[in-house]
Protein backbone atom coordinates (compact mmCIF):
# COMPACT_ATOMS: atom_id res chain seq x y z
CA UNK A 1 0.01 0.17 0.18
CA UNK A 2 1.60 3.59 -0.83
CA UNK A 3 1.67 5.25 1.88
CA UNK A 4 1.39 9.24 1.42
CA UNK A 5 2.63 11.78 3.63
CA UNK A 6 0.32 15.06 5.08
CA UNK A 7 1.61 17.95 3.55
CA UNK A 8 3.10 18.79 7.01
CA UNK A 9 5.68 15.94 6.69
CA UNK A 10 7.27 17.73 3.93
CA UNK A 11 6.74 21.77 5.71
CA UNK A 12 8.52 20.00 9.07
CA UNK A 13 11.51 18.20 6.68
CA UNK A 14 11.98 21.44 5.08
CA UNK A 15 12.56 23.43 8.25
CA UNK A 16 14.67 21.17 9.69
CA UNK A 17 16.88 20.64 6.71
CA UNK A 18 17.11 25.11 7.29
CA UNK A 19 18.17 24.05 10.65
CA UNK A 20 20.97 21.44 9.38
CA UNK A 21 22.09 24.55 6.78
CA UNK A 22 22.66 26.50 9.97
CA UNK A 23 24.42 24.60 11.73
CA UNK A 24 27.08 23.88 9.13
CA UNK A 25 27.11 27.38 8.17
CA UNK A 26 27.73 28.03 12.00
CA UNK A 27 29.98 24.74 12.08
CA UNK A 28 32.33 26.50 9.14
CA UNK A 29 32.21 30.18 10.22
CA UNK A 30 35.59 29.54 12.03
CA UNK A 31 37.12 27.88 8.56
CA UNK A 32 36.07 31.08 6.73
CA UNK A 33 37.78 33.19 9.19
CA UNK A 34 40.58 30.92 10.92
CA UNK A 35 43.05 33.72 9.33
CA UNK A 36 42.47 36.50 11.48
CA UNK A 37 40.95 34.63 14.13
CA UNK A 38 44.57 33.23 14.55
CA UNK A 39 45.89 36.47 14.14
CA UNK A 40 43.96 38.17 16.74
CA UNK A 41 43.86 35.48 19.21
CA UNK A 42 47.71 34.84 19.07
CA UNK A 43 47.28 31.05 18.42
CA UNK A 44 49.73 28.58 17.30
CA UNK A 45 49.01 26.46 14.14
CA UNK A 46 48.44 23.05 16.68
CA UNK A 47 45.99 25.45 18.32
CA UNK A 48 44.09 26.47 15.41
CA UNK A 49 44.29 23.00 14.26
CA UNK A 50 42.52 21.83 17.58
CA UNK A 51 39.70 24.20 17.64
CA UNK A 52 39.21 23.31 13.95
CA UNK A 53 38.57 19.79 14.51
CA UNK A 54 36.91 20.46 17.69
CA UNK A 55 33.45 19.70 16.66
CA UNK A 56 34.32 16.41 15.15
CA UNK A 57 36.26 15.40 18.05
CA UNK A 58 33.09 16.06 20.12
CA UNK A 59 30.92 13.49 18.26
CA UNK A 60 33.70 10.72 19.57
CA UNK A 61 32.62 10.21 22.65
CA UNK A 62 29.25 11.45 22.88
CA UNK A 63 27.60 10.10 19.86
CA UNK A 64 26.16 6.76 21.15
CA UNK A 65 24.93 8.94 24.48
CA UNK A 66 23.58 11.77 22.22
CA UNK A 67 21.43 8.72 20.30
CA UNK A 68 19.87 7.03 23.08
CA UNK A 69 18.85 10.21 24.83
CA UNK A 70 17.34 11.32 21.11
CA UNK A 71 15.52 8.42 20.39
CA UNK A 72 13.78 9.15 23.91
CA UNK A 73 13.25 12.71 23.46
CA UNK A 74 12.03 12.13 19.69
CA UNK A 75 13.27 14.38 16.79
CA UNK A 76 11.13 17.72 17.69
CA UNK A 77 12.42 18.07 21.01
CA UNK A 78 16.04 17.07 20.04
CA UNK A 79 16.25 19.94 17.23
CA UNK A 80 14.61 22.36 19.00
CA UNK A 81 17.32 22.51 21.81
CA UNK A 82 20.28 21.43 19.74
CA UNK A 83 19.38 24.43 17.47
CA UNK A 84 18.89 27.03 20.41
CA UNK A 85 22.50 25.51 21.84
CA UNK A 86 24.46 25.95 18.76
CA UNK A 87 23.24 29.67 18.06
CA UNK A 88 24.24 30.47 21.89
CA UNK A 89 27.44 28.39 21.85
CA UNK A 90 28.06 30.62 18.76
CA UNK A 91 27.36 34.14 20.01
CA UNK A 92 29.63 32.91 23.02
CA UNK A 93 32.56 32.13 20.28
CA UNK A 94 32.43 35.81 19.28
CA UNK A 95 33.84 36.59 22.68
CA UNK A 96 37.27 34.66 23.06
CA UNK A 97 40.54 36.03 24.49
CA UNK A 98 42.76 33.32 23.64
CA UNK A 99 43.01 29.30 23.09
CA UNK A 100 40.38 27.79 25.65
CA UNK A 101 37.77 30.75 25.64
CA UNK A 102 37.37 29.61 21.79
CA UNK A 103 37.58 25.74 21.83
CA UNK A 104 35.15 25.62 24.80
CA UNK A 105 31.93 27.02 23.03
CA UNK A 106 33.36 25.09 19.51
CA UNK A 107 33.11 22.07 21.60
CA UNK A 108 29.53 23.31 22.63
CA UNK A 109 28.71 23.72 18.78
CA UNK A 110 29.59 20.10 18.18
CA UNK A 111 27.15 18.85 21.17
CA UNK A 112 24.39 20.88 20.12
CA UNK A 113 25.28 19.64 16.43
CA UNK A 114 24.67 15.87 17.49
CA UNK A 115 20.81 16.45 18.25
CA UNK A 116 20.84 17.90 14.66
CA UNK A 117 22.67 14.99 12.99
CA UNK A 118 20.81 12.46 14.49
CA UNK A 119 17.62 14.05 15.37
CA UNK A 120 17.22 14.28 11.17
CA UNK A 121 17.45 10.59 10.56
CA UNK A 122 14.94 10.14 13.24
CA UNK A 123 12.38 12.73 12.09
CA UNK A 124 12.74 10.97 8.74
CA UNK A 125 11.76 7.89 10.35
CA UNK A 126 8.96 9.29 12.50
CA UNK A 127 7.19 11.16 9.70
CA UNK A 128 7.75 8.89 6.26
CA UNK A 129 7.67 5.38 5.78
CA UNK A 130 10.98 3.41 5.26
CA UNK A 131 10.71 2.98 1.81
CA UNK A 132 10.74 6.91 1.31
CA UNK A 133 13.91 7.22 3.70
CA UNK A 134 16.50 7.43 0.85
CA UNK A 135 14.94 10.16 -0.95
CA UNK A 136 13.93 12.10 2.50
CA UNK A 137 17.28 11.43 3.80
CA UNK A 138 18.62 13.50 0.62
CA UNK A 139 16.87 16.75 1.36
CA UNK A 140 17.89 17.26 4.45
CA UNK A 141 21.71 16.48 3.47
CA UNK A 142 21.26 19.28 0.70
CA UNK A 143 20.89 21.52 3.40
CA UNK A 144 23.74 20.71 4.73
CA UNK A 145 26.20 20.77 2.03
CA UNK A 146 24.68 24.20 0.81
CA UNK A 147 25.37 25.56 4.25
CA UNK A 148 29.12 24.64 4.09
CA UNK A 149 29.34 26.10 1.05
CA UNK A 150 27.68 29.27 1.29
CA UNK A 151 29.75 30.41 4.52
CA UNK A 152 32.98 30.26 2.07
CA UNK A 153 31.42 32.09 -0.27
CA UNK A 154 29.64 35.26 2.02
CA UNK A 155 31.30 35.17 5.03
CA UNK A 156 34.67 36.98 5.08
CA UNK A 157 34.32 38.77 1.52
CA UNK A 158 30.60 39.94 1.94
CA UNK A 159 29.10 39.78 5.36
CA UNK A 160 32.21 39.82 7.78
CA UNK A 161 33.40 43.62 6.34
CA UNK A 162 29.78 44.72 6.39
CA UNK A 163 29.15 44.03 10.14
CA UNK A 164 32.79 44.75 11.27
CA UNK A 165 35.10 41.45 11.37
CA UNK A 166 34.42 38.02 12.48
CA UNK A 167 32.96 38.91 16.27
CA UNK A 168 30.03 40.47 14.94
CA UNK A 169 29.28 37.71 12.48
CA UNK A 170 29.35 34.91 15.21
CA UNK A 171 27.58 37.59 17.68
CA UNK A 172 24.75 37.93 14.59
CA UNK A 173 24.65 34.66 13.15
CA UNK A 174 24.33 32.88 16.22
CA UNK A 175 21.31 35.04 17.41
CA UNK A 176 19.57 34.13 13.81
CA UNK A 177 20.09 30.36 14.52
CA UNK A 178 18.67 30.88 18.19
CA UNK A 179 15.82 32.81 16.70
CA UNK A 180 15.46 29.98 14.12
CA UNK A 181 15.12 27.48 16.85
CA UNK A 182 12.02 29.33 18.54
CA UNK A 183 10.35 29.50 15.10
CA UNK A 184 11.17 25.59 14.97
CA UNK A 185 9.67 24.95 18.68
CA UNK A 186 6.57 27.12 17.33
CA UNK A 187 5.97 25.59 14.28
CA UNK A 188 6.55 22.01 14.65
CA UNK A 189 4.34 22.10 17.83
CA UNK A 190 1.76 23.13 15.91
CA UNK A 191 2.25 20.99 13.05
CA UNK A 192 3.14 17.87 14.65
CA UNK A 193 -0.50 17.09 16.39
CA UNK A 194 -1.87 17.47 12.68
CA UNK A 195 -0.44 14.37 11.74
CA UNK A 196 -0.12 10.82 12.22
CA UNK A 197 3.30 9.44 12.79
CA UNK A 198 4.19 6.13 10.34
CA UNK A 199 6.05 3.99 13.32
CA UNK A 200 4.45 3.76 16.66
CA UNK A 201 6.42 5.05 19.16
CA UNK A 202 8.15 3.28 21.31
CA UNK A 203 6.38 3.37 24.84
CA UNK A 204 9.22 1.27 26.85
CA UNK A 205 11.91 3.59 25.97
CA UNK A 206 12.38 5.06 29.21
CA UNK A 207 15.81 6.50 30.28
CA UNK A 208 16.27 3.45 32.85
CA UNK A 209 19.74 1.79 32.80
CA UNK A 210 18.47 -1.41 31.83
CA UNK A 211 16.37 -0.03 28.67
CA UNK A 212 19.56 1.93 27.37
CA UNK A 213 21.81 -0.75 27.93
CA UNK A 214 19.39 -3.10 25.87
CA UNK A 215 18.95 -0.75 23.19
CA UNK A 216 22.90 -0.23 23.06
CA UNK A 217 23.46 -4.00 23.09
CA UNK A 218 20.88 -4.25 19.95
CA UNK A 219 23.16 -1.69 17.56
CA UNK A 220 26.15 -2.74 18.84
CA UNK A 221 25.78 -6.50 18.06
CA UNK A 222 24.02 -5.82 14.88
CA UNK A 223 25.63 -7.07 12.17
CA UNK A 224 24.13 -5.56 9.16
CA UNK A 225 24.78 -2.47 10.82
CA UNK A 226 28.34 -3.40 11.28
CA UNK A 227 28.89 -3.05 7.95
CA UNK A 228 26.96 0.19 7.62
CA UNK A 229 29.25 1.81 10.57
CA UNK A 230 32.21 0.64 8.18
CA UNK A 231 30.94 2.28 5.23
CA UNK A 232 30.35 5.32 7.24
CA UNK A 233 34.06 5.63 8.80
CA UNK A 234 35.77 4.85 5.42
CA UNK A 235 33.64 7.67 4.07
CA UNK A 236 34.47 10.31 6.69
CA UNK A 237 37.80 9.30 6.43
CA UNK A 238 37.76 10.28 2.64
CA UNK A 239 35.71 13.43 3.12
CA UNK A 240 37.81 14.98 5.85
CA UNK A 241 41.12 13.77 4.45
CA UNK A 242 40.23 15.07 0.92
CA UNK A 243 38.52 18.08 2.01
CA UNK A 244 40.58 19.52 4.19
CA UNK A 245 44.06 19.12 1.89
CA UNK A 246 42.25 19.46 -1.54
CA UNK A 247 43.59 23.07 -2.07
CA UNK A 248 47.28 21.80 -1.49
CA UNK A 249 47.19 18.50 -3.25
CA UNK A 250 46.06 20.65 -6.49
CA UNK A 251 48.74 23.40 -6.28
CA UNK A 252 51.38 20.92 -5.28
CA UNK A 253 50.03 19.45 -8.86
CA UNK A 254 50.87 22.68 -9.98
CA UNK A 255 47.48 24.36 -10.21
CA UNK A 256 47.05 28.06 -9.42
CA UNK A 257 45.87 29.18 -6.07
CA UNK A 258 42.45 30.54 -7.74
CA UNK A 259 41.73 27.76 -9.97
CA UNK A 260 42.69 25.37 -6.62
CA UNK A 261 39.79 27.02 -4.92
CA UNK A 262 37.35 26.80 -7.84
CA UNK A 263 38.09 23.23 -8.02
CA UNK A 264 37.33 22.98 -4.42
CA UNK A 265 34.34 24.98 -4.48
CA UNK A 266 33.14 22.62 -7.33
CA UNK A 267 34.18 19.53 -5.23
CA UNK A 268 31.68 20.69 -2.71
CA UNK A 269 29.15 21.65 -4.71
CA UNK A 270 28.91 18.50 -6.87
CA UNK A 271 27.88 16.24 -3.78
CA UNK A 272 24.23 17.71 -4.34
CA UNK A 273 24.22 15.56 -7.90
CA UNK A 274 25.01 12.48 -5.46
CA UNK A 275 23.09 13.27 -2.58
CA UNK A 276 19.90 14.06 -5.15
CA UNK A 277 20.15 11.08 -7.86
CA UNK A 278 21.57 7.89 -6.04
CA UNK A 279 18.86 7.81 -3.29
CA UNK A 280 16.25 8.55 -5.59
CA UNK A 281 17.82 5.28 -8.05
CA UNK A 282 18.32 3.50 -4.67
CA UNK A 283 14.85 4.06 -3.92
CA UNK A 284 13.29 3.71 -7.56
CA UNK A 285 14.72 0.02 -7.83
CA UNK A 286 14.42 -0.98 -4.37
CA UNK A 287 18.11 -1.75 -3.82
CA UNK A 288 20.53 -0.37 -1.22
CA UNK A 289 23.57 -2.53 -1.62
CA UNK A 290 24.16 -1.70 -5.75
CA UNK A 291 24.31 1.90 -5.18
CA UNK A 292 26.49 1.48 -2.34
CA UNK A 293 28.59 -0.97 -4.57
CA UNK A 294 28.78 1.43 -7.67
CA UNK A 295 29.65 4.64 -5.37
CA UNK A 296 32.53 2.92 -3.83
CA UNK A 297 33.92 1.94 -7.09
CA UNK A 298 33.16 5.41 -8.99
CA UNK A 299 35.11 6.73 -5.63
CA UNK A 300 38.24 4.59 -6.19
CA UNK A 301 38.74 5.45 -10.39
CA UNK A 302 38.20 8.91 -9.12
CA UNK A 303 40.61 8.90 -6.22
CA UNK A 304 43.36 7.10 -8.40
CA UNK A 305 42.57 9.88 -11.19
CA UNK A 306 43.55 12.09 -9.08
CA UNK A 307 47.05 10.32 -8.69
CA UNK A 308 47.62 9.89 -12.64
CA UNK A 309 45.77 13.15 -13.73
CA UNK A 310 48.12 15.33 -16.19
CA UNK A 311 45.56 18.17 -16.64
CA UNK A 312 42.64 20.36 -15.59
CA UNK A 313 39.68 18.27 -17.13
CA UNK A 314 41.32 15.14 -15.62
CA UNK A 315 41.37 16.55 -12.41
CA UNK A 316 37.94 17.79 -12.74
CA UNK A 317 36.19 14.55 -13.82
CA UNK A 318 38.03 12.81 -10.89
CA UNK A 319 36.84 15.39 -8.53
CA UNK A 320 33.25 14.98 -9.61
CA UNK A 321 33.41 11.26 -9.43
CA UNK A 322 34.60 11.88 -5.81
CA UNK A 323 32.36 14.41 -4.82
CA UNK A 324 29.05 12.92 -6.43
CA UNK A 325 29.50 9.41 -5.44
CA UNK A 326 31.40 8.31 -2.45
CA UNK A 327 30.88 11.48 -0.80
CA UNK A 328 27.88 12.71 -1.98
CA UNK A 329 26.07 9.52 -2.69
CA UNK A 330 26.80 7.40 0.27
CA UNK A 331 26.02 10.16 2.70
CA UNK A 332 22.21 9.68 2.67
CA UNK A 333 22.13 6.16 2.37
CA UNK A 334 24.14 5.72 5.20
CA UNK A 335 21.62 7.55 7.17
CA UNK A 336 18.60 6.03 5.23
CA UNK A 337 19.38 2.47 6.24
CA UNK A 338 19.08 2.26 10.07
CA UNK A 339 15.45 3.09 9.48
CA UNK A 340 15.01 0.12 7.11
CA UNK A 341 16.77 -2.36 9.06
CA UNK A 342 15.01 -5.31 10.78
CA UNK A 343 16.11 -5.08 14.59
CA UNK A 344 16.87 -1.34 14.26
CA UNK A 345 14.37 0.53 12.45
CA UNK A 346 12.58 3.61 13.83
CA UNK A 347 12.70 2.82 17.23
CA UNK A 348 16.94 3.06 17.58
CA UNK A 349 17.55 5.13 14.87
CA UNK A 350 19.11 8.05 16.82
CA UNK A 351 21.03 5.62 18.59
CA UNK A 352 22.03 3.48 15.41
CA UNK A 353 23.26 6.80 14.05
CA UNK A 354 25.00 7.87 16.88
CA UNK A 355 27.22 4.22 16.52
CA UNK A 356 28.28 5.53 13.27
CA UNK A 357 29.39 8.77 14.42
CA UNK A 358 31.43 7.35 17.24
CA UNK A 359 33.39 5.58 15.00
CA UNK A 360 32.83 7.47 11.95
CA UNK A 361 34.46 10.60 13.24
CA UNK A 362 37.57 8.51 13.70
CA UNK A 363 37.93 8.49 10.61
CA UNK A 364 37.18 11.79 9.91
CA UNK A 365 40.00 13.13 12.39
CA UNK A 366 42.30 10.33 10.99
CA UNK A 367 41.78 11.08 7.48
CA UNK A 368 43.87 14.79 7.57
CA UNK A 369 46.23 13.22 9.98
CA UNK A 370 47.50 10.67 7.80
CA UNK A 371 47.70 12.48 4.75
CA UNK A 372 49.53 15.00 6.14
CA UNK A 373 51.87 12.21 7.82
CA UNK A 374 52.35 10.48 4.79
CA UNK A 375 53.45 13.63 3.13
CA UNK A 376 55.95 14.66 5.91
CA UNK A 377 57.56 10.55 5.60
CA UNK A 378 57.33 10.75 1.51
CA UNK A 379 57.37 14.22 0.50
CA UNK A 380 54.70 13.69 -1.76
CA UNK A 381 50.45 13.38 -1.65
CA UNK A 382 50.68 10.08 -4.50
CA UNK A 383 50.54 7.35 -1.49
CA UNK A 384 47.87 9.02 0.35
CA UNK A 385 45.37 9.43 -2.81
CA UNK A 386 46.33 5.61 -2.52
CA UNK A 387 45.24 4.70 0.74
CA UNK A 388 42.16 7.00 0.25
CA UNK A 389 41.41 4.98 -2.63
CA UNK A 390 41.69 1.41 -0.96
CA UNK A 391 39.30 2.81 1.24
CA UNK A 392 36.64 3.74 -1.03
CA UNK A 393 37.13 0.18 -2.35
CA UNK A 394 36.50 -1.00 1.06
CA UNK A 395 33.28 0.77 0.87
CA UNK A 396 32.04 -1.25 -2.14
CA UNK A 397 33.41 -4.63 -0.32
CA UNK A 398 31.08 -3.63 2.65
CA UNK A 399 28.22 -2.77 0.19
CA UNK A 400 28.87 -5.80 -1.44
CA UNK A 401 28.27 -8.46 1.56
CA UNK A 402 25.05 -6.25 3.07
CA UNK A 403 21.72 -7.70 2.75
CA UNK A 404 18.99 -5.83 1.23
CA UNK A 405 16.88 -4.44 4.18
CA UNK A 406 13.68 -6.16 2.71
CA UNK A 407 15.47 -8.97 2.57
CA UNK A 408 16.58 -8.92 6.18
CA UNK A 409 13.17 -8.21 6.99
CA UNK A 410 11.60 -11.02 5.38
CA UNK A 411 14.39 -13.67 6.86
CA UNK A 412 13.22 -12.03 10.21
CA UNK A 413 9.41 -12.45 9.78
CA UNK A 414 10.03 -15.70 8.51
CA UNK A 415 12.23 -17.11 11.55
CA UNK A 416 9.11 -15.78 13.96
CA UNK A 417 7.23 -19.11 14.94
CA UNK A 418 3.70 -19.02 13.66
CA UNK A 419 0.28 -20.40 15.45
């Protein structure tokens, strides 16, 4: 039976996607203003690197706990609280006098960001049927991608000079996020009462230690989710590693700084192609395994292309393959899969996503570090790109060994005793 969500579900998803836009816009505001921040606060390069990676690092110890809490609070409350924390912390991030006073609010942005990152898959599971989860997940991922791309385009060159520098920029944009949190709280409260959620809410999910331990065991011991965690970790390893070093890699290949910046922007924007097209095709043909395998293989080809590319067009094609498939295409799929998995489903979506990010952000931190370390050891970027290509191939291998969610659900149902 075709279950059509009401229009209110799409409005809520659109508002939540705007919240994801604001989160990534806030997240990368520091990166956009990093040179003047370093100069004014007197940060060393090491301190600047720690602050730049603080949000990713906050995910590693707190993701599982955040997922358990969000599964019990529900997406509506989690998103409102998370956006408020992000906005307030961003305002405080405009007041620092040194390393510690900018590090702490940045870590707090990561705490609020977890509510958004894990709350959005929960929202999709609460408002849409599982067979629509891939397409609906692509909607909020577009918001996230546009947020990170927009801040680099407008923050320092346009808005910063108009408002008087990075401090006022942080204050004003933080206030906007706090205001949006209030809008979300009111609008979601009004709209939520007018719709019927697709999955029944679990009445047995309490904040008791036994309940939380049971949920944690369910996700940690789930074989299908283990493979998704591998894909998510390798994807973030590639994403953060290449994104952090791409302009430097391109300039080392003889590309001018201006062209390197243009190609890096292209690399970010083409992710939208994969975010939009891959989940739609996956939903259309009712398969998750094949798109994951295809994305992993396309990413491998693109990364190897960066090693041997001899001209601008070859570099561009390689970046399009990587950005569209292994980064853009895989992103909504790994968020949609737990919703559809037997033994996980809507009830445990947030904690399953938390598990992915607990390990995934280890990969996100290791990627940039490994590229830098291998360059110091070898004097070149080619070995690092080969390692990233092997990681992309690993996503394809993990996808090959996955069961289709529908097949796993059928097997579980067939195994249940009948009267």
